[in-house]
Amino acid sequence: MSDDHTHVQEFFGARAADWDSRFPDDGPAYAAAVAELGLRKGDRVLDAGCGTGRALPPLRAAVGRSGVVLGADLTPTMLQAAVRAGRDREGQLLLADVAALPLRPESLDAVFGAGLITHLPRPEENLRELARVVRPGGTLALFHPIGRASLAARQGRQITPDDLRAEPNLRPLLAGSGWRMTSYADEDTRFLALAVRED
């Protein structure tokens, strides 16, 4: 396992038990972001870096019982927390690295990634892997339940120009990874960038 993987597992493993209780009011923001993904009944969607699975219920509601919902995470204790919360009933949980997904090419209609981008060790390569598993014309949502400035303030730091989520950085990063950004919102109450998988 790489140092990047170990760091992510240690960071989230230490926080898994009380993750949901630390952020109890995020549910509506997740549901609103999922709604903007434009999913249809029967679609196949992945929650990449699903953590405790907070996006799984709105994803399941969007695709219905005929759809497929997958949640992939690198940290076993996060997936265990998802099971304790009963969210494994909304989708299949996979202990997997989003940098090397155990999925066929073009097997999904969409990917949802909450808080994902800042934890990717090789963002362009990792976003290309997400593009690999999504059909052309499929969608990607990069989401956070609070905006960049609010998150930085919570963490006691300043936003820096090299922040991957800044639009001038994210747009070319996505373009170089097989995605075309279609919308971008960075507000106090949410961060949401939507992209379409290029042909």
C-alpha atoms as a PDB file:
ATOM      1  CA  MET A   1       0.000   0.000   0.000  1.00  0.00           C
ATOM      2  CA  SER A   2       1.339   3.438  -0.893  1.00  0.00           C
ATOM      3  CA  ASP A   3       2.006   6.215   1.617  1.00  0.00           C
ATOM      4  CA  ASP A   4      -0.923   8.120   0.065  1.00  0.00           C
ATOM      5  CA  HIS A   5      -3.274   5.231   0.806  1.00  0.00           C
ATOM      6  CA  THR A   6      -1.948   4.847   4.335  1.00  0.00           C
ATOM      7  CA  HIS A   7      -2.402   8.569   5.015  1.00  0.00           C
ATOM      8  CA  VAL A   8      -6.004   8.555   3.738  1.00  0.00           C
ATOM      9  CA  GLN A   9      -6.879   5.442   5.735  1.00  0.00           C
ATOM     10  CA  GLU A  10      -5.316   6.840   8.912  1.00  0.00           C
ATOM     11  CA  PHE A  11      -7.031  10.234   8.488  1.00  0.00           C
ATOM     12  CA  PHE A  12     -10.511   8.847   7.847  1.00  0.00           C
ATOM     13  CA  GLY A  13     -10.140   5.742   9.998  1.00  0.00           C
ATOM     14  CA  ALA A  14      -9.611   7.905  13.076  1.00  0.00           C
ATOM     15  CA  ARG A  15     -12.767   9.904  12.267  1.00  0.00           C
ATOM     16  CA  ALA A  16     -15.156   7.204  11.023  1.00  0.00           C
ATOM     17  CA  ALA A  17     -16.976   6.479  14.284  1.00  0.00           C
ATOM     18  CA  ASP A  18     -18.270  10.020  14.798  1.00  0.00           C
ATOM     19  CA  TRP A  19     -18.171  11.338  11.209  1.00  0.00           C
ATOM     20  CA  ASP A  20     -21.940  11.576  10.762  1.00  0.00           C
ATOM     21  CA  SER A  21     -22.516  13.124  14.185  1.00  0.00           C
ATOM     22  CA  ARG A  22     -19.940  15.832  13.433  1.00  0.00           C
ATOM     23  CA  PHE A  23     -21.869  16.910  10.330  1.00  0.00           C
ATOM     24  CA  PRO A  24     -25.519  16.073  11.115  1.00  0.00           C
ATOM     25  CA  ASP A  25     -27.099  18.750   8.905  1.00  0.00           C
ATOM     26  CA  ASP A  26     -25.475  17.853   5.571  1.00  0.00           C
ATOM     27  CA  GLY A  27     -28.293  15.616   4.298  1.00  0.00           C
ATOM     28  CA  PRO A  28     -30.232  18.288   2.372  1.00  0.00           C
ATOM     29  CA  ALA A  29     -27.040  19.523   0.672  1.00  0.00           C
ATOM     30  CA  TYR A  30     -26.245  15.977  -0.474  1.00  0.00           C
ATOM     31  CA  ALA A  31     -29.777  15.499  -1.786  1.00  0.00           C
ATOM     32  CA  ALA A  32     -29.673  18.809  -3.678  1.00  0.00           C
ATOM     33  CA  ALA A  33     -26.305  17.974  -5.267  1.00  0.00           C
ATOM     34  CA  VAL A  34     -27.517  14.517  -6.311  1.00  0.00           C
ATOM     35  CA  ALA A  35     -30.589  16.127  -7.883  1.00  0.00           C
ATOM     36  CA  GLU A  36     -28.330  18.302 -10.052  1.00  0.00           C
ATOM     37  CA  LEU A  37     -26.550  15.210 -11.373  1.00  0.00           C
ATOM     38  CA  GLY A  38     -29.610  14.550 -13.557  1.00  0.00           C
ATOM     39  CA  LEU A  39     -29.923  10.836 -12.858  1.00  0.00           C
ATOM     40  CA  ARG A  40     -32.805   8.832 -14.311  1.00  0.00           C
ATOM     41  CA  LYS A  41     -34.540   5.669 -13.131  1.00  0.00           C
ATOM     42  CA  GLY A  42     -32.424   2.666 -14.057  1.00  0.00           C
ATOM     43  CA  ASP A  43     -29.115   4.572 -14.187  1.00  0.00           C
ATOM     44  CA  ARG A  44     -25.874   3.133 -12.806  1.00  0.00           C
ATOM     45  CA  VAL A  45     -23.996   5.440 -10.429  1.00  0.00           C
ATOM     46  CA  LEU A  46     -20.882   5.289  -8.258  1.00  0.00           C
ATOM     47  CA  ASP A  47     -20.302   7.257  -5.060  1.00  0.00           C
ATOM     48  CA  ALA A  48     -16.505   7.515  -5.271  1.00  0.00           C
ATOM     49  CA  GLY A  49     -14.924   7.844  -1.844  1.00  0.00           C
ATOM     50  CA  CYS A  50     -18.335   7.222  -0.301  1.00  0.00           C
ATOM     51  CA  GLY A  51     -17.188   7.357   3.325  1.00  0.00           C
ATOM     52  CA  THR A  52     -20.142   6.604   5.588  1.00  0.00           C
ATOM     53  CA  GLY A  53     -22.473   6.523   2.591  1.00  0.00           C
ATOM     54  CA  ARG A  54     -24.392   9.764   3.133  1.00  0.00           C
ATOM     55  CA  ALA A  55     -24.992  10.124  -0.624  1.00  0.00           C
ATOM     56  CA  LEU A  56     -26.302   6.593  -1.081  1.00  0.00           C
ATOM     57  CA  PRO A  57     -29.942   7.241  -0.038  1.00  0.00           C
ATOM     58  CA  PRO A  58     -30.465  10.192  -2.436  1.00  0.00           C
ATOM     59  CA  LEU A  59     -28.605   8.318  -5.186  1.00  0.00           C
ATOM     60  CA  ARG A  60     -30.885   5.302  -4.696  1.00  0.00           C
ATOM     61  CA  ALA A  61     -33.963   7.550  -4.723  1.00  0.00           C
ATOM     62  CA  ALA A  62     -32.784   9.093  -7.999  1.00  0.00           C
ATOM     63  CA  VAL A  63     -32.123   5.829  -9.870  1.00  0.00           C
ATOM     64  CA  GLY A  64     -34.890   3.772  -8.261  1.00  0.00           C
ATOM     65  CA  ARG A  65     -34.769   0.074  -7.480  1.00  0.00           C
ATOM     66  CA  SER A  66     -34.070  -0.722 -11.146  1.00  0.00           C
ATOM     67  CA  GLY A  67     -30.838   1.296 -10.997  1.00  0.00           C
ATOM     68  CA  VAL A  68     -27.427   0.344  -9.659  1.00  0.00           C
ATOM     69  CA  VAL A  69     -25.794   2.256  -6.787  1.00  0.00           C
ATOM     70  CA  LEU A  70     -22.207   1.511  -5.802  1.00  0.00           C
ATOM     71  CA  GLY A  71     -20.213   3.065  -2.983  1.00  0.00           C
ATOM     72  CA  ALA A  72     -16.428   2.685  -3.102  1.00  0.00           C
ATOM     73  CA  ASP A  73     -14.076   3.681  -0.321  1.00  0.00           C
ATOM     74  CA  LEU A  74     -10.492   2.919   0.644  1.00  0.00           C
ATOM     75  CA  THR A  75     -11.097   2.979   4.416  1.00  0.00           C
ATOM     76  CA  PRO A  76     -12.685  -0.139   5.957  1.00  0.00           C
ATOM     77  CA  THR A  77     -13.914   1.693   9.068  1.00  0.00           C
ATOM     78  CA  MET A  78     -15.820   4.211   6.932  1.00  0.00           C
ATOM     79  CA  LEU A  79     -17.597   1.362   5.142  1.00  0.00           C
ATOM     80  CA  GLN A  80     -18.325  -0.265   8.520  1.00  0.00           C
ATOM     81  CA  ALA A  81     -19.916   3.019   9.651  1.00  0.00           C
ATOM     82  CA  ALA A  82     -22.028   3.000   6.462  1.00  0.00           C
ATOM     83  CA  VAL A  83     -23.240  -0.500   7.329  1.00  0.00           C
ATOM     84  CA  ARG A  84     -24.030   0.515  10.925  1.00  0.00           C
ATOM     85  CA  ALA A  85     -26.099   3.411   9.541  1.00  0.00           C
ATOM     86  CA  GLY A  86     -27.996   0.939   7.310  1.00  0.00           C
ATOM     87  CA  ARG A  87     -26.836   2.616   4.111  1.00  0.00           C
ATOM     88  CA  ASP A  88     -25.609  -0.672   2.652  1.00  0.00           C
ATOM     89  CA  ARG A  89     -29.305  -1.309   1.918  1.00  0.00           C
ATOM     90  CA  GLU A  90     -29.195   1.580  -0.592  1.00  0.00           C
ATOM     91  CA  GLY A  91     -26.216   0.339  -2.602  1.00  0.00           C
ATOM     92  CA  GLN A  92     -23.395  -2.155  -2.856  1.00  0.00           C
ATOM     93  CA  LEU A  93     -20.318  -1.145  -0.857  1.00  0.00           C
ATOM     94  CA  LEU A  94     -16.874  -1.827  -2.295  1.00  0.00           C
ATOM     95  CA  LEU A  95     -13.563  -1.656  -0.452  1.00  0.00           C
ATOM     96  CA  ALA A  96     -11.713  -0.180  -3.412  1.00  0.00           C
ATOM     97  CA  ASP A  97      -9.337   2.553  -4.492  1.00  0.00           C
ATOM     98  CA  VAL A  98     -10.939   5.041  -6.880  1.00  0.00           C
ATOM     99  CA  ALA A  99      -7.578   5.124  -8.670  1.00  0.00           C
ATOM    100  CA  ALA A 100      -8.054   1.478  -9.749  1.00  0.00           C
ATOM    101  CA  LEU A 101     -11.743   0.635  -9.764  1.00  0.00           C
ATOM    102  CA  PRO A 102     -12.844  -3.002 -10.204  1.00  0.00           C
ATOM    103  CA  LEU A 103     -15.349  -1.946 -12.876  1.00  0.00           C
ATOM    104  CA  ARG A 104     -15.625  -2.447 -16.632  1.00  0.00           C
ATOM    105  CA  PRO A 105     -14.995   0.496 -18.977  1.00  0.00           C
ATOM    106  CA  GLU A 106     -18.081   2.645 -19.655  1.00  0.00           C
ATOM    107  CA  SER A 107     -20.179   0.614 -17.201  1.00  0.00           C
ATOM    108  CA  LEU A 108     -21.633   3.623 -15.337  1.00  0.00           C
ATOM    109  CA  ASP A 109     -23.827   6.587 -16.154  1.00  0.00           C
ATOM    110  CA  ALA A 110     -22.470   8.870 -13.444  1.00  0.00           C
ATOM    111  CA  VAL A 111     -20.009   9.362 -10.597  1.00  0.00           C
ATOM    112  CA  PHE A 112     -20.624  11.383  -7.439  1.00  0.00           C
ATOM    113  CA  GLY A 113     -17.579  12.444  -5.399  1.00  0.00           C
ATOM    114  CA  ALA A 114     -18.133  14.261  -2.098  1.00  0.00           C
ATOM    115  CA  GLY A 115     -14.969  15.791  -0.662  1.00  0.00           C
ATOM    116  CA  LEU A 116     -13.019  13.572  -3.028  1.00  0.00           C
ATOM    117  CA  ILE A 117     -10.754  15.763  -5.118  1.00  0.00           C
ATOM    118  CA  THR A 118      -8.455  17.006  -2.364  1.00  0.00           C
ATOM    119  CA  HIS A 119      -7.714  13.427  -1.296  1.00  0.00           C
ATOM    120  CA  LEU A 120      -6.674  12.150  -4.727  1.00  0.00           C
ATOM    121  CA  PRO A 121      -2.913  11.519  -4.806  1.00  0.00           C
ATOM    122  CA  ARG A 122      -2.663  11.986  -8.601  1.00  0.00           C
ATOM    123  CA  PRO A 123      -5.740  14.030  -9.526  1.00  0.00           C
ATOM    124  CA  GLU A 124      -5.431  13.979 -13.313  1.00  0.00           C
ATOM    125  CA  GLU A 125      -4.711  10.258 -13.451  1.00  0.00           C
ATOM    126  CA  ASN A 126      -7.393   9.506 -10.850  1.00  0.00           C
ATOM    127  CA  LEU A 127     -10.051  11.578 -12.650  1.00  0.00           C
ATOM    128  CA  ARG A 128      -9.100   9.738 -15.854  1.00  0.00           C
ATOM    129  CA  GLU A 129      -9.874   6.464 -14.065  1.00  0.00           C
ATOM    130  CA  LEU A 130     -13.322   7.808 -13.184  1.00  0.00           C
ATOM    131  CA  ALA A 131     -13.787   8.769 -16.840  1.00  0.00           C
ATOM    132  CA  ARG A 132     -12.805   5.220 -17.861  1.00  0.00           C
ATOM    133  CA  VAL A 133     -15.758   3.688 -16.034  1.00  0.00           C
ATOM    134  CA  VAL A 134     -18.358   6.245 -17.231  1.00  0.00           C
ATOM    135  CA  ARG A 135     -20.012   6.084 -20.646  1.00  0.00           C
ATOM    136  CA  PRO A 136     -19.495   8.999 -23.057  1.00  0.00           C
ATOM    137  CA  GLY A 137     -22.032  11.675 -22.156  1.00  0.00           C
ATOM    138  CA  GLY A 138     -22.187  10.432 -18.557  1.00  0.00           C
ATOM    139  CA  THR A 139     -21.725  12.858 -15.700  1.00  0.00           C
ATOM    140  CA  LEU A 140     -19.458  13.629 -12.759  1.00  0.00           C
ATOM    141  CA  ALA A 141     -20.319  15.687  -9.682  1.00  0.00           C
ATOM    142  CA  LEU A 142     -17.517  16.942  -7.430  1.00  0.00           C
ATOM    143  CA  PHE A 143     -19.250  18.132  -4.273  1.00  0.00           C
ATOM    144  CA  HIS A 144     -18.638  19.451  -0.791  1.00  0.00           C
ATOM    145  CA  PRO A 145     -21.435  20.469   1.598  1.00  0.00           C
ATOM    146  CA  ILE A 146     -19.713  23.800   2.280  1.00  0.00           C
ATOM    147  CA  GLY A 147     -17.771  26.072  -0.063  1.00  0.00           C
ATOM    148  CA  ARG A 148     -14.012  26.506  -0.259  1.00  0.00           C
ATOM    149  CA  ALA A 149     -13.871  29.651   1.905  1.00  0.00           C
ATOM    150  CA  SER A 150     -16.077  28.167   4.623  1.00  0.00           C
ATOM    151  CA  LEU A 151     -14.070  24.949   4.657  1.00  0.00           C
ATOM    152  CA  ALA A 152     -10.776  26.842   4.880  1.00  0.00           C
ATOM    153  CA  ALA A 153     -12.123  28.912   7.783  1.00  0.00           C
ATOM    154  CA  ARG A 154     -13.288  25.728   9.549  1.00  0.00           C
ATOM    155  CA  GLN A 155      -9.766  24.330   9.178  1.00  0.00           C
ATOM    156  CA  GLY A 156      -8.101  27.591  10.265  1.00  0.00           C
ATOM    157  CA  ARG A 157      -6.367  28.273   6.967  1.00  0.00           C
ATOM    158  CA  GLN A 158      -6.550  30.551   3.942  1.00  0.00           C
ATOM    159  CA  ILE A 159      -7.541  29.578   0.403  1.00  0.00           C
ATOM    160  CA  THR A 160      -4.443  29.434  -1.775  1.00  0.00           C
ATOM    161  CA  PRO A 161      -4.233  30.046  -5.545  1.00  0.00           C
ATOM    162  CA  ASP A 162      -3.125  26.449  -6.131  1.00  0.00           C
ATOM    163  CA  ASP A 163      -6.359  25.014  -4.629  1.00  0.00           C
ATOM    164  CA  LEU A 164      -7.436  22.272  -7.052  1.00  0.00           C
ATOM    165  CA  ARG A 165     -11.079  23.248  -6.590  1.00  0.00           C
ATOM    166  CA  ALA A 166     -10.556  26.818  -7.821  1.00  0.00           C
ATOM    167  CA  GLU A 167     -12.299  27.094 -11.187  1.00  0.00           C
ATOM    168  CA  PRO A 168      -9.150  28.177 -13.127  1.00  0.00           C
ATOM    169  CA  ASN A 169      -7.407  25.020 -11.831  1.00  0.00           C
ATOM    170  CA  LEU A 170     -10.279  22.563 -11.928  1.00  0.00           C
ATOM    171  CA  ARG A 171     -11.539  23.274 -15.450  1.00  0.00           C
ATOM    172  CA  PRO A 172      -8.230  22.354 -17.204  1.00  0.00           C
ATOM    173  CA  LEU A 173      -7.650  19.464 -14.799  1.00  0.00           C
ATOM    174  CA  LEU A 174     -10.999  17.963 -15.784  1.00  0.00           C
ATOM    175  CA  ALA A 175     -10.391  18.680 -19.480  1.00  0.00           C
ATOM    176  CA  GLY A 176      -7.081  16.841 -19.325  1.00  0.00           C
ATOM    177  CA  SER A 177      -8.802  13.860 -17.712  1.00  0.00           C
ATOM    178  CA  GLY A 178     -11.602  13.262 -20.220  1.00  0.00           C
ATOM    179  CA  TRP A 179     -14.228  15.562 -18.698  1.00  0.00           C
ATOM    180  CA  ARG A 180     -15.805  18.860 -19.774  1.00  0.00           C
ATOM    181  CA  MET A 181     -16.980  21.100 -16.940  1.00  0.00           C
ATOM    182  CA  THR A 182     -20.584  22.193 -17.449  1.00  0.00           C
ATOM    183  CA  SER A 183     -21.219  24.152 -14.252  1.00  0.00           C
ATOM    184  CA  TYR A 184     -19.341  25.455 -11.235  1.00  0.00           C
ATOM    185  CA  ALA A 185     -20.646  26.794  -7.917  1.00  0.00           C
ATOM    186  CA  ASP A 186     -18.527  27.763  -4.916  1.00  0.00           C
ATOM    187  CA  GLU A 187     -20.825  29.274  -2.290  1.00  0.00           C
ATOM    188  CA  ASP A 188     -20.794  29.381   1.510  1.00  0.00           C
ATOM    189  CA  THR A 189     -23.301  26.535   1.633  1.00  0.00           C
ATOM    190  CA  ARG A 190     -21.817  24.231  -0.999  1.00  0.00           C
ATOM    191  CA  PHE A 191     -19.195  23.479  -3.605  1.00  0.00           C
ATOM    192  CA  LEU A 192     -20.440  21.716  -6.747  1.00  0.00           C
ATOM    193  CA  ALA A 193     -18.697  21.235 -10.080  1.00  0.00           C
ATOM    194  CA  LEU A 194     -20.492  19.210 -12.730  1.00  0.00           C
ATOM    195  CA  ALA A 195     -18.792  17.685 -15.765  1.00  0.00           C
ATOM    196  CA  VAL A 196     -19.678  15.522 -18.740  1.00  0.00           C
ATOM    197  CA  ARG A 197     -17.581  12.600 -19.953  1.00  0.00           C
ATOM    198  CA  GLU A 198     -16.184  13.460 -23.369  1.00  0.00           C
ATOM    199  CA  ASP A 199     -16.323  10.984 -26.274  1.00  0.00           C
END
